[in-house]
Amino acid sequence: MWECRALLANVTLQVYDMLTTCGNLIVDEAPNLVWHSHVPLKVYILAWRLLRNRLPTKTNLTARGIMVHDALLCVSGCREVETVQHLFVSCPIFRDLWQHVRAWIGVNGVDPFDIADHFAQFSYLLGHATKNRSFMQLLWLACVWVLCTERNNKQFNNTENIIHQLFEKVQIHSFWWMETANIVYEFGVHN
């Protein structure tokens, strides 16, 4: 055990570099994920895993032989197979969150099926300016964090929130992260 500690004592993990500069990138837009130092690291790790289809969804767990094939249905009760795309974009129980968020900031859009396309489209809904993209990615991170925690609460704690409660959680996370990162955005005003 002491040998292991001695070996690891000199290892410095550069998490941001690891998350954004991996070889063989599956997702073209993943390196463009704006780094917000006040967004918790666990949220970035979630997004990184999500964009690479590395989350422990039921289909991924089944493919790895961890879960039986009979247990593939989405935790929401919608009777669809739980994939990353389904859970975060097309699940009829969870997808309304994206519409609420777009309405809140005053933009329209249709969610693409692919999660990487969803990330890219959502990032640029307010245009290509870095400030706007940064703001939209912060909102995207808040949404996927809320959706993931809601999925886990349903799966492991048998609790359930309605879409308005999830939307309020997105607002709370995004306001907190924007405030701590000194990001100012005027809703409904687009540059």
N, C-alpha and C. Protein backbone atom coordinates (compact mmCIF):
# COMPACT_ATOMS: atom_id res chain seq x y z
N MET A 1 0.82 -1.19 0.00
CA MET A 1 0.00 0.00 0.00
C MET A 1 0.87 1.26 0.00
N TRP A 2 1.93 1.26 0.80
CA TRP A 2 2.81 2.43 0.85
C TRP A 2 3.51 2.64 -0.47
N GLU A 3 3.82 1.53 -1.18
CA GLU A 3 4.46 1.66 -2.48
C GLU A 3 3.53 2.35 -3.47
N CYS A 4 2.27 1.99 -3.41
CA CYS A 4 1.27 2.60 -4.29
C CYS A 4 1.16 4.09 -4.01
N ARG A 5 1.08 4.46 -2.74
CA ARG A 5 1.02 5.88 -2.38
C ARG A 5 2.26 6.62 -2.85
N ALA A 6 3.42 6.00 -2.69
CA ALA A 6 4.66 6.64 -3.11
C ALA A 6 4.67 6.87 -4.61
N LEU A 7 4.16 5.90 -5.37
CA LEU A 7 4.10 6.06 -6.82
C LEU A 7 3.14 7.17 -7.23
N LEU A 8 2.02 7.27 -6.53
CA LEU A 8 1.00 8.26 -6.89
C LEU A 8 1.28 9.64 -6.32
N ALA A 9 2.18 9.75 -5.38
CA ALA A 9 2.46 11.04 -4.74
C ALA A 9 2.96 12.08 -5.73
N ASN A 10 3.66 11.64 -6.76
CA ASN A 10 4.23 12.59 -7.73
C ASN A 10 3.38 12.76 -8.98
N VAL A 11 2.19 12.16 -8.99
CA VAL A 11 1.31 12.26 -10.15
C VAL A 11 0.41 13.48 -9.99
N THR A 12 0.43 14.33 -10.99
CA THR A 12 -0.45 15.48 -11.01
C THR A 12 -1.47 15.27 -12.12
N LEU A 13 -2.72 15.29 -11.76
CA LEU A 13 -3.78 15.07 -12.74
C LEU A 13 -4.25 16.41 -13.27
N GLN A 14 -4.12 16.60 -14.54
CA GLN A 14 -4.58 17.82 -15.19
C GLN A 14 -5.96 17.55 -15.76
N VAL A 15 -7.00 17.69 -14.93
CA VAL A 15 -8.34 17.27 -15.29
C VAL A 15 -8.86 18.00 -16.52
N TYR A 16 -8.70 19.31 -16.55
CA TYR A 16 -9.23 20.06 -17.68
C TYR A 16 -8.57 19.59 -18.98
N ASP A 17 -7.24 19.43 -18.97
CA ASP A 17 -6.56 18.97 -20.16
C ASP A 17 -7.04 17.59 -20.57
N MET A 18 -7.24 16.73 -19.59
CA MET A 18 -7.72 15.39 -19.89
C MET A 18 -9.11 15.43 -20.52
N LEU A 19 -9.96 16.31 -20.00
CA LEU A 19 -11.33 16.36 -20.50
C LEU A 19 -11.43 16.96 -21.88
N THR A 20 -10.50 17.84 -22.23
CA THR A 20 -10.66 18.57 -23.49
C THR A 20 -9.68 18.20 -24.59
N THR A 21 -8.63 17.44 -24.29
CA THR A 21 -7.63 17.18 -25.31
C THR A 21 -7.33 15.70 -25.48
N CYS A 22 -8.29 14.84 -25.30
CA CYS A 22 -8.06 13.40 -25.48
C CYS A 22 -7.88 13.08 -26.95
N GLY A 23 -7.07 12.07 -27.22
CA GLY A 23 -6.91 11.59 -28.58
C GLY A 23 -8.16 10.85 -29.01
N ASN A 24 -8.31 10.66 -30.31
CA ASN A 24 -9.46 9.93 -30.86
C ASN A 24 -10.78 10.50 -30.38
N LEU A 25 -10.95 11.79 -30.51
CA LEU A 25 -12.20 12.40 -30.06
C LEU A 25 -13.37 11.87 -30.86
N ILE A 26 -14.36 11.44 -30.15
CA ILE A 26 -15.57 10.94 -30.78
C ILE A 26 -16.49 12.10 -31.14
N VAL A 27 -16.47 13.14 -30.31
CA VAL A 27 -17.36 14.27 -30.46
C VAL A 27 -16.54 15.49 -30.87
N ASP A 28 -16.84 16.06 -32.03
CA ASP A 28 -16.09 17.20 -32.51
C ASP A 28 -16.26 18.43 -31.63
N GLU A 29 -17.43 18.63 -31.08
CA GLU A 29 -17.70 19.83 -30.29
C GLU A 29 -17.20 19.73 -28.85
N ALA A 30 -16.88 18.56 -28.36
CA ALA A 30 -16.46 18.42 -26.96
C ALA A 30 -15.28 19.30 -26.59
N PRO A 31 -14.26 19.47 -27.45
CA PRO A 31 -13.17 20.36 -27.07
C PRO A 31 -13.61 21.82 -26.95
N ASN A 32 -14.75 22.16 -27.53
CA ASN A 32 -15.24 23.53 -27.46
C ASN A 32 -16.06 23.79 -26.21
N LEU A 33 -16.12 22.83 -25.31
CA LEU A 33 -16.83 23.03 -24.05
C LEU A 33 -16.12 24.12 -23.26
N VAL A 34 -16.83 25.19 -23.01
CA VAL A 34 -16.25 26.32 -22.31
C VAL A 34 -16.04 25.94 -20.84
N TRP A 35 -14.87 26.23 -20.34
CA TRP A 35 -14.52 25.90 -18.97
C TRP A 35 -14.98 27.03 -18.05
N HIS A 36 -15.86 26.71 -17.12
CA HIS A 36 -16.31 27.65 -16.11
C HIS A 36 -15.73 27.17 -14.79
N SER A 37 -14.82 27.92 -14.23
CA SER A 37 -14.14 27.46 -13.01
C SER A 37 -15.08 27.32 -11.82
N HIS A 38 -16.25 27.90 -11.88
CA HIS A 38 -17.17 27.82 -10.75
C HIS A 38 -18.25 26.75 -10.93
N VAL A 39 -18.21 26.06 -12.05
CA VAL A 39 -19.09 24.91 -12.24
C VAL A 39 -18.36 23.72 -11.64
N PRO A 40 -19.02 22.94 -10.81
CA PRO A 40 -18.33 21.81 -10.15
C PRO A 40 -17.70 20.85 -11.16
N LEU A 41 -16.53 20.36 -10.82
CA LEU A 41 -15.79 19.44 -11.67
C LEU A 41 -16.63 18.21 -12.03
N LYS A 42 -17.43 17.73 -11.08
CA LYS A 42 -18.25 16.55 -11.35
C LYS A 42 -19.24 16.79 -12.49
N VAL A 43 -19.64 18.03 -12.69
CA VAL A 43 -20.55 18.36 -13.79
C VAL A 43 -19.81 18.25 -15.13
N TYR A 44 -18.55 18.73 -15.18
CA TYR A 44 -17.76 18.60 -16.40
C TYR A 44 -17.47 17.14 -16.72
N ILE A 45 -17.17 16.37 -15.69
CA ILE A 45 -16.92 14.95 -15.92
C ILE A 45 -18.17 14.27 -16.46
N LEU A 46 -19.32 14.63 -15.90
CA LEU A 46 -20.59 14.10 -16.41
C LEU A 46 -20.75 14.47 -17.88
N ALA A 47 -20.53 15.73 -18.24
CA ALA A 47 -20.69 16.18 -19.63
C ALA A 47 -19.71 15.47 -20.55
N TRP A 48 -18.49 15.34 -20.11
CA TRP A 48 -17.46 14.65 -20.90
C TRP A 48 -17.88 13.21 -21.17
N ARG A 49 -18.35 12.52 -20.14
CA ARG A 49 -18.80 11.13 -20.29
C ARG A 49 -20.06 11.06 -21.15
N LEU A 50 -20.96 12.01 -20.95
CA LEU A 50 -22.20 12.06 -21.73
C LEU A 50 -21.92 12.22 -23.22
N LEU A 51 -21.05 13.16 -23.57
CA LEU A 51 -20.74 13.42 -24.97
C LEU A 51 -20.01 12.26 -25.64
N ARG A 52 -19.48 11.36 -24.86
CA ARG A 52 -18.79 10.18 -25.39
C ARG A 52 -19.56 8.88 -25.15
N ASN A 53 -20.81 9.01 -24.75
CA ASN A 53 -21.67 7.86 -24.47
C ASN A 53 -21.01 6.90 -23.47
N ARG A 54 -20.47 7.46 -22.41
CA ARG A 54 -19.79 6.67 -21.39
C ARG A 54 -20.52 6.69 -20.04
N LEU A 55 -21.76 7.13 -20.04
CA LEU A 55 -22.54 7.12 -18.80
C LEU A 55 -23.11 5.72 -18.57
N PRO A 56 -23.35 5.37 -17.33
CA PRO A 56 -23.90 4.04 -17.05
C PRO A 56 -25.41 3.97 -17.27
N THR A 57 -25.81 4.22 -18.52
CA THR A 57 -27.23 4.03 -18.86
C THR A 57 -27.50 2.53 -18.89
N LYS A 58 -28.74 2.18 -18.93
CA LYS A 58 -29.10 0.76 -18.93
C LYS A 58 -28.56 0.03 -20.15
N THR A 59 -28.57 0.68 -21.32
CA THR A 59 -28.02 0.02 -22.51
C THR A 59 -26.52 -0.16 -22.39
N ASN A 60 -25.81 0.83 -21.85
CA ASN A 60 -24.37 0.70 -21.69
C ASN A 60 -24.03 -0.38 -20.66
N LEU A 61 -24.78 -0.45 -19.58
CA LEU A 61 -24.54 -1.47 -18.56
C LEU A 61 -24.84 -2.87 -19.10
N THR A 62 -25.87 -2.97 -19.93
CA THR A 62 -26.20 -4.26 -20.54
C THR A 62 -25.11 -4.68 -21.52
N ALA A 63 -24.62 -3.73 -22.32
CA ALA A 63 -23.55 -4.03 -23.28
C ALA A 63 -22.28 -4.51 -22.57
N ARG A 64 -22.06 -4.07 -21.36
CA ARG A 64 -20.88 -4.49 -20.59
C ARG A 64 -21.14 -5.73 -19.75
N GLY A 65 -22.33 -6.28 -19.85
CA GLY A 65 -22.67 -7.48 -19.12
C GLY A 65 -22.95 -7.27 -17.65
N ILE A 66 -23.22 -6.02 -17.25
CA ILE A 66 -23.47 -5.70 -15.85
C ILE A 66 -24.95 -5.81 -15.51
N MET A 67 -25.79 -5.57 -16.49
CA MET A 67 -27.24 -5.58 -16.28
C MET A 67 -27.87 -6.57 -17.27
N VAL A 68 -28.94 -7.19 -16.85
CA VAL A 68 -29.62 -8.13 -17.73
C VAL A 68 -30.41 -7.38 -18.80
N HIS A 69 -30.55 -8.03 -19.94
CA HIS A 69 -31.22 -7.42 -21.09
C HIS A 69 -32.67 -7.04 -20.80
N ASP A 70 -33.31 -7.73 -19.89
CA ASP A 70 -34.72 -7.47 -19.58
C ASP A 70 -34.95 -6.14 -18.87
N ALA A 71 -33.88 -5.52 -18.37
CA ALA A 71 -34.03 -4.31 -17.56
C ALA A 71 -33.61 -3.05 -18.33
N LEU A 72 -33.83 -3.01 -19.62
CA LEU A 72 -33.37 -1.90 -20.45
C LEU A 72 -34.28 -0.68 -20.47
N LEU A 73 -35.47 -0.78 -19.95
CA LEU A 73 -36.43 0.32 -20.10
C LEU A 73 -36.05 1.53 -19.25
N CYS A 74 -36.36 2.69 -19.79
CA CYS A 74 -36.06 3.97 -19.16
C CYS A 74 -36.69 4.06 -17.78
N VAL A 75 -35.97 4.66 -16.88
CA VAL A 75 -36.41 4.80 -15.50
C VAL A 75 -37.64 5.71 -15.38
N SER A 76 -37.90 6.52 -16.39
CA SER A 76 -39.03 7.44 -16.33
C SER A 76 -40.38 6.73 -16.44
N GLY A 77 -40.37 5.50 -16.91
CA GLY A 77 -41.62 4.78 -17.08
C GLY A 77 -42.24 4.98 -18.45
N CYS A 78 -41.51 5.58 -19.38
CA CYS A 78 -42.04 5.85 -20.71
C CYS A 78 -42.04 4.61 -21.60
N ARG A 79 -41.47 3.53 -21.14
CA ARG A 79 -41.46 2.23 -21.81
C ARG A 79 -40.55 2.20 -23.04
N GLU A 80 -39.57 3.09 -23.10
CA GLU A 80 -38.56 3.10 -24.16
C GLU A 80 -37.23 2.61 -23.59
N VAL A 81 -36.34 2.18 -24.45
CA VAL A 81 -35.02 1.73 -24.03
C VAL A 81 -34.20 2.94 -23.58
N GLU A 82 -33.51 2.77 -22.44
CA GLU A 82 -32.73 3.88 -21.87
C GLU A 82 -31.34 3.97 -22.50
N THR A 83 -31.21 4.85 -23.47
CA THR A 83 -29.92 5.19 -24.07
C THR A 83 -29.59 6.62 -23.65
N VAL A 84 -28.38 7.06 -23.93
CA VAL A 84 -27.99 8.44 -23.64
C VAL A 84 -28.90 9.40 -24.40
N GLN A 85 -29.07 9.16 -25.69
CA GLN A 85 -29.90 10.06 -26.50
C GLN A 85 -31.34 10.09 -25.99
N HIS A 86 -31.85 8.93 -25.67
CA HIS A 86 -33.23 8.88 -25.18
C HIS A 86 -33.36 9.65 -23.87
N LEU A 87 -32.50 9.34 -22.93
CA LEU A 87 -32.61 9.91 -21.59
C LEU A 87 -32.48 11.43 -21.58
N PHE A 88 -31.53 11.96 -22.34
CA PHE A 88 -31.25 13.39 -22.26
C PHE A 88 -31.92 14.23 -23.34
N VAL A 89 -32.46 13.60 -24.39
CA VAL A 89 -33.03 14.40 -25.48
C VAL A 89 -34.46 14.01 -25.83
N SER A 90 -34.76 12.72 -25.96
CA SER A 90 -36.05 12.35 -26.52
C SER A 90 -37.04 11.71 -25.56
N CYS A 91 -36.67 11.47 -24.33
CA CYS A 91 -37.60 10.88 -23.37
C CYS A 91 -38.79 11.83 -23.19
N PRO A 92 -40.02 11.35 -23.39
CA PRO A 92 -41.18 12.25 -23.28
C PRO A 92 -41.35 12.85 -21.88
N ILE A 93 -40.75 12.24 -20.87
CA ILE A 93 -40.85 12.77 -19.52
C ILE A 93 -39.81 13.88 -19.29
N PHE A 94 -38.60 13.72 -19.83
CA PHE A 94 -37.51 14.65 -19.55
C PHE A 94 -37.31 15.73 -20.63
N ARG A 95 -37.73 15.48 -21.87
CA ARG A 95 -37.39 16.41 -22.96
C ARG A 95 -38.01 17.79 -22.82
N ASP A 96 -39.10 17.90 -22.11
CA ASP A 96 -39.74 19.21 -21.95
C ASP A 96 -38.87 20.22 -21.21
N LEU A 97 -37.90 19.73 -20.47
CA LEU A 97 -37.01 20.65 -19.76
C LEU A 97 -36.30 21.58 -20.74
N TRP A 98 -35.85 21.05 -21.87
CA TRP A 98 -35.15 21.87 -22.87
C TRP A 98 -36.07 22.97 -23.42
N GLN A 99 -37.35 22.65 -23.63
CA GLN A 99 -38.30 23.65 -24.11
C GLN A 99 -38.51 24.75 -23.08
N HIS A 100 -38.61 24.38 -21.81
CA HIS A 100 -38.77 25.36 -20.74
C HIS A 100 -37.56 26.30 -20.68
N VAL A 101 -36.38 25.76 -20.82
CA VAL A 101 -35.16 26.57 -20.74
C VAL A 101 -35.08 27.52 -21.93
N ARG A 102 -35.39 27.02 -23.14
CA ARG A 102 -35.37 27.91 -24.31
C ARG A 102 -36.41 29.02 -24.19
N ALA A 103 -37.59 28.69 -23.69
CA ALA A 103 -38.63 29.71 -23.51
C ALA A 103 -38.18 30.74 -22.46
N TRP A 104 -37.51 30.29 -21.43
CA TRP A 104 -37.04 31.16 -20.36
C TRP A 104 -36.06 32.22 -20.89
N ILE A 105 -35.18 31.82 -21.81
CA ILE A 105 -34.21 32.79 -22.33
C ILE A 105 -34.65 33.43 -23.63
N GLY A 106 -35.82 33.04 -24.12
CA GLY A 106 -36.39 33.71 -25.28
C GLY A 106 -35.86 33.27 -26.63
N VAL A 107 -35.54 31.99 -26.77
CA VAL A 107 -35.09 31.48 -28.07
C VAL A 107 -35.94 30.27 -28.43
N ASN A 108 -35.99 29.98 -29.72
CA ASN A 108 -36.70 28.81 -30.22
C ASN A 108 -35.69 27.79 -30.72
N GLY A 109 -36.12 26.57 -30.79
CA GLY A 109 -35.25 25.53 -31.32
C GLY A 109 -35.92 24.19 -31.25
N VAL A 110 -35.40 23.28 -32.03
CA VAL A 110 -35.87 21.90 -32.03
C VAL A 110 -34.67 21.05 -31.64
N ASP A 111 -34.90 20.11 -30.73
CA ASP A 111 -33.80 19.30 -30.25
C ASP A 111 -33.43 18.22 -31.26
N PRO A 112 -32.15 18.19 -31.68
CA PRO A 112 -31.71 17.08 -32.52
C PRO A 112 -31.66 15.80 -31.68
N PHE A 113 -31.67 14.65 -32.33
CA PHE A 113 -31.69 13.38 -31.62
C PHE A 113 -30.33 13.06 -30.98
N ASP A 114 -29.24 13.34 -31.67
CA ASP A 114 -27.91 13.01 -31.20
C ASP A 114 -27.46 13.99 -30.11
N ILE A 115 -26.90 13.48 -29.04
CA ILE A 115 -26.52 14.32 -27.90
C ILE A 115 -25.40 15.30 -28.27
N ALA A 116 -24.45 14.89 -29.11
CA ALA A 116 -23.38 15.79 -29.53
C ALA A 116 -23.95 16.93 -30.38
N ASP A 117 -24.87 16.60 -31.28
CA ASP A 117 -25.53 17.63 -32.08
C ASP A 117 -26.35 18.56 -31.18
N HIS A 118 -26.98 17.98 -30.18
CA HIS A 118 -27.77 18.78 -29.23
C HIS A 118 -26.87 19.78 -28.51
N PHE A 119 -25.74 19.32 -28.04
CA PHE A 119 -24.78 20.19 -27.37
C PHE A 119 -24.32 21.32 -28.29
N ALA A 120 -23.94 20.97 -29.51
CA ALA A 120 -23.45 21.98 -30.45
C ALA A 120 -24.54 22.99 -30.79
N GLN A 121 -25.74 22.51 -31.11
CA GLN A 121 -26.83 23.42 -31.44
C GLN A 121 -27.18 24.32 -30.28
N PHE A 122 -27.30 23.76 -29.09
CA PHE A 122 -27.67 24.54 -27.92
C PHE A 122 -26.61 25.60 -27.61
N SER A 123 -25.35 25.25 -27.80
CA SER A 123 -24.25 26.18 -27.53
C SER A 123 -24.32 27.43 -28.38
N TYR A 124 -24.86 27.30 -29.60
CA TYR A 124 -24.87 28.42 -30.54
C TYR A 124 -26.25 29.03 -30.75
N LEU A 125 -27.22 28.72 -29.90
CA LEU A 125 -28.56 29.28 -30.08
C LEU A 125 -28.58 30.81 -30.00
N LEU A 126 -27.63 31.40 -29.30
CA LEU A 126 -27.57 32.86 -29.19
C LEU A 126 -26.50 33.46 -30.08
N GLY A 127 -25.94 32.67 -30.97
CA GLY A 127 -24.91 33.17 -31.87
C GLY A 127 -23.53 32.64 -31.51
N HIS A 128 -22.53 33.13 -32.22
CA HIS A 128 -21.17 32.60 -32.10
C HIS A 128 -20.29 33.39 -31.14
N ALA A 129 -20.78 34.48 -30.60
CA ALA A 129 -19.96 35.25 -29.66
C ALA A 129 -19.59 34.38 -28.45
N THR A 130 -18.36 34.48 -28.02
CA THR A 130 -17.86 33.64 -26.92
C THR A 130 -18.70 33.81 -25.66
N LYS A 131 -19.11 35.03 -25.37
CA LYS A 131 -19.93 35.29 -24.17
C LYS A 131 -21.26 34.53 -24.25
N ASN A 132 -21.90 34.58 -25.40
CA ASN A 132 -23.18 33.88 -25.58
C ASN A 132 -23.00 32.37 -25.52
N ARG A 133 -21.97 31.88 -26.20
CA ARG A 133 -21.71 30.44 -26.19
C ARG A 133 -21.39 29.96 -24.78
N SER A 134 -20.63 30.73 -24.06
CA SER A 134 -20.28 30.39 -22.68
C SER A 134 -21.54 30.30 -21.82
N PHE A 135 -22.42 31.27 -21.96
CA PHE A 135 -23.67 31.28 -21.21
C PHE A 135 -24.53 30.06 -21.56
N MET A 136 -24.66 29.77 -22.84
CA MET A 136 -25.50 28.65 -23.26
C MET A 136 -24.93 27.31 -22.82
N GLN A 137 -23.62 27.20 -22.83
CA GLN A 137 -23.02 25.96 -22.36
C GLN A 137 -23.20 25.80 -20.86
N LEU A 138 -23.16 26.89 -20.13
CA LEU A 138 -23.43 26.82 -18.70
C LEU A 138 -24.86 26.33 -18.47
N LEU A 139 -25.80 26.83 -19.23
CA LEU A 139 -27.19 26.36 -19.12
C LEU A 139 -27.30 24.89 -19.51
N TRP A 140 -26.60 24.49 -20.56
CA TRP A 140 -26.63 23.09 -21.00
C TRP A 140 -26.09 22.19 -19.89
N LEU A 141 -24.99 22.61 -19.28
CA LEU A 141 -24.42 21.84 -18.16
C LEU A 141 -25.41 21.72 -17.01
N ALA A 142 -26.09 22.82 -16.69
CA ALA A 142 -27.09 22.79 -15.61
C ALA A 142 -28.21 21.81 -15.96
N CYS A 143 -28.66 21.82 -17.20
CA CYS A 143 -29.75 20.93 -17.62
C CYS A 143 -29.34 19.46 -17.53
N VAL A 144 -28.17 19.13 -18.07
CA VAL A 144 -27.78 17.71 -18.04
C VAL A 144 -27.51 17.26 -16.61
N TRP A 145 -27.00 18.16 -15.77
CA TRP A 145 -26.79 17.80 -14.37
C TRP A 145 -28.13 17.50 -13.69
N VAL A 146 -29.10 18.37 -13.89
CA VAL A 146 -30.42 18.18 -13.28
C VAL A 146 -31.08 16.91 -13.81
N LEU A 147 -31.00 16.67 -15.13
CA LEU A 147 -31.59 15.46 -15.70
C LEU A 147 -30.92 14.20 -15.16
N CYS A 148 -29.61 14.22 -15.04
CA CYS A 148 -28.89 13.06 -14.53
C CYS A 148 -29.24 12.79 -13.07
N THR A 149 -29.27 13.83 -12.26
CA THR A 149 -29.60 13.62 -10.84
C THR A 149 -31.06 13.17 -10.69
N GLU A 150 -31.94 13.67 -11.54
CA GLU A 150 -33.34 13.23 -11.49
C GLU A 150 -33.45 11.76 -11.89
N ARG A 151 -32.72 11.37 -12.92
CA ARG A 151 -32.71 9.96 -13.34
C ARG A 151 -32.24 9.08 -12.18
N ASN A 152 -31.16 9.48 -11.53
CA ASN A 152 -30.63 8.68 -10.42
C ASN A 152 -31.57 8.68 -9.22
N ASN A 153 -32.23 9.79 -8.95
CA ASN A 153 -33.21 9.82 -7.86
C ASN A 153 -34.37 8.87 -8.14
N LYS A 154 -34.82 8.83 -9.39
CA LYS A 154 -35.90 7.91 -9.75
C LYS A 154 -35.44 6.46 -9.62
N GLN A 155 -34.23 6.21 -10.09
CA GLN A 155 -33.71 4.84 -10.12
C GLN A 155 -33.40 4.31 -8.71
N PHE A 156 -32.75 5.13 -7.90
CA PHE A 156 -32.21 4.62 -6.63
C PHE A 156 -32.99 5.05 -5.40
N ASN A 157 -33.71 6.16 -5.48
CA ASN A 157 -34.44 6.66 -4.30
C ASN A 157 -35.95 6.60 -4.47
N ASN A 158 -36.39 6.20 -5.66
CA ASN A 158 -37.82 6.13 -5.96
C ASN A 158 -38.53 7.45 -5.71
N THR A 159 -37.85 8.56 -6.01
CA THR A 159 -38.45 9.89 -5.88
C THR A 159 -38.67 10.46 -7.27
N GLU A 160 -39.53 11.45 -7.35
CA GLU A 160 -39.86 12.00 -8.66
C GLU A 160 -40.18 13.48 -8.52
N ASN A 161 -39.67 14.27 -9.46
CA ASN A 161 -40.00 15.68 -9.55
C ASN A 161 -40.78 15.92 -10.83
N ILE A 162 -41.64 16.92 -10.82
CA ILE A 162 -42.33 17.30 -12.04
C ILE A 162 -41.43 18.25 -12.81
N ILE A 163 -41.74 18.47 -14.07
CA ILE A 163 -40.87 19.24 -14.97
C ILE A 163 -40.63 20.65 -14.44
N HIS A 164 -41.61 21.25 -13.80
CA HIS A 164 -41.42 22.60 -13.28
C HIS A 164 -40.41 22.62 -12.13
N GLN A 165 -40.38 21.56 -11.35
CA GLN A 165 -39.38 21.47 -10.29
C GLN A 165 -37.98 21.29 -10.88
N LEU A 166 -37.88 20.51 -11.94
CA LEU A 166 -36.58 20.34 -12.61
C LEU A 166 -36.12 21.66 -13.21
N PHE A 167 -37.05 22.39 -13.82
CA PHE A 167 -36.72 23.69 -14.40
C PHE A 167 -36.24 24.66 -13.32
N GLU A 168 -36.88 24.66 -12.18
CA GLU A 168 -36.44 25.52 -11.07
C GLU A 168 -35.03 25.15 -10.62
N LYS A 169 -34.71 23.87 -10.62
CA LYS A 169 -33.37 23.43 -10.25
C LYS A 169 -32.34 23.94 -11.27
N VAL A 170 -32.70 23.91 -12.55
CA VAL A 170 -31.80 24.44 -13.58
C VAL A 170 -31.58 25.93 -13.34
N GLN A 171 -32.65 26.66 -13.05
CA GLN A 171 -32.50 28.08 -12.78
C GLN A 171 -31.60 28.34 -11.58
N ILE A 172 -31.78 27.59 -10.52
CA ILE A 172 -30.97 27.77 -9.32
C ILE A 172 -29.50 27.49 -9.61
N HIS A 173 -29.23 26.35 -10.26
CA HIS A 173 -27.83 26.02 -10.59
C HIS A 173 -27.22 27.08 -11.49
N SER A 174 -27.94 27.46 -12.54
CA SER A 174 -27.36 28.40 -13.49
C SER A 174 -27.15 29.78 -12.87
N PHE A 175 -28.10 30.25 -12.06
CA PHE A 175 -27.90 31.54 -11.39
C PHE A 175 -26.72 31.48 -10.45
N TRP A 176 -26.61 30.40 -9.69
CA TRP A 176 -25.50 30.27 -8.75
C TRP A 176 -24.17 30.25 -9.49
N TRP A 177 -24.07 29.44 -10.54
CA TRP A 177 -22.82 29.34 -11.29
C TRP A 177 -22.50 30.65 -12.00
N MET A 178 -23.52 31.33 -12.56
CA MET A 178 -23.26 32.61 -13.23
C MET A 178 -22.79 33.65 -12.23
N GLU A 179 -23.40 33.66 -11.06
CA GLU A 179 -23.02 34.64 -10.05
C GLU A 179 -21.59 34.42 -9.57
N THR A 180 -21.23 33.17 -9.29
CA THR A 180 -19.89 32.90 -8.81
C THR A 180 -18.83 33.07 -9.89
N ALA A 181 -19.23 32.95 -11.15
CA ALA A 181 -18.30 33.14 -12.26
C ALA A 181 -18.37 34.56 -12.83
N ASN A 182 -19.18 35.42 -12.24
CA ASN A 182 -19.35 36.80 -12.70
C ASN A 182 -19.81 36.89 -14.15
N ILE A 183 -20.72 36.01 -14.54
CA ILE A 183 -21.30 36.04 -15.89
C ILE A 183 -22.60 36.83 -15.81
N VAL A 184 -22.73 37.81 -16.68
CA VAL A 184 -23.94 38.61 -16.70
C VAL A 184 -24.62 38.37 -18.04
N TYR A 185 -25.89 38.04 -17.98
CA TYR A 185 -26.68 37.86 -19.18
C TYR A 185 -28.04 38.47 -18.96
N GLU A 186 -28.49 39.26 -19.92
CA GLU A 186 -29.81 39.85 -19.83
C GLU A 186 -30.76 38.99 -20.68
N PHE A 187 -31.70 38.33 -20.02
CA PHE A 187 -32.62 37.44 -20.71
C PHE A 187 -33.45 38.22 -21.72
N GLY A 188 -33.57 37.64 -22.91
CA GLY A 188 -34.36 38.26 -23.96
C GLY A 188 -33.58 39.28 -24.78
N VAL A 189 -32.35 39.63 -24.37
CA VAL A 189 -31.51 40.57 -25.12
C VAL A 189 -30.39 39.79 -25.77
N HIS A 190 -30.37 39.75 -27.08
CA HIS A 190 -29.36 38.95 -27.79
C HIS A 190 -28.42 39.86 -28.52
N ASN A 191 -27.14 39.57 -28.39
CA ASN A 191 -26.11 40.38 -29.07
C ASN A 191 -25.81 39.81 -30.43
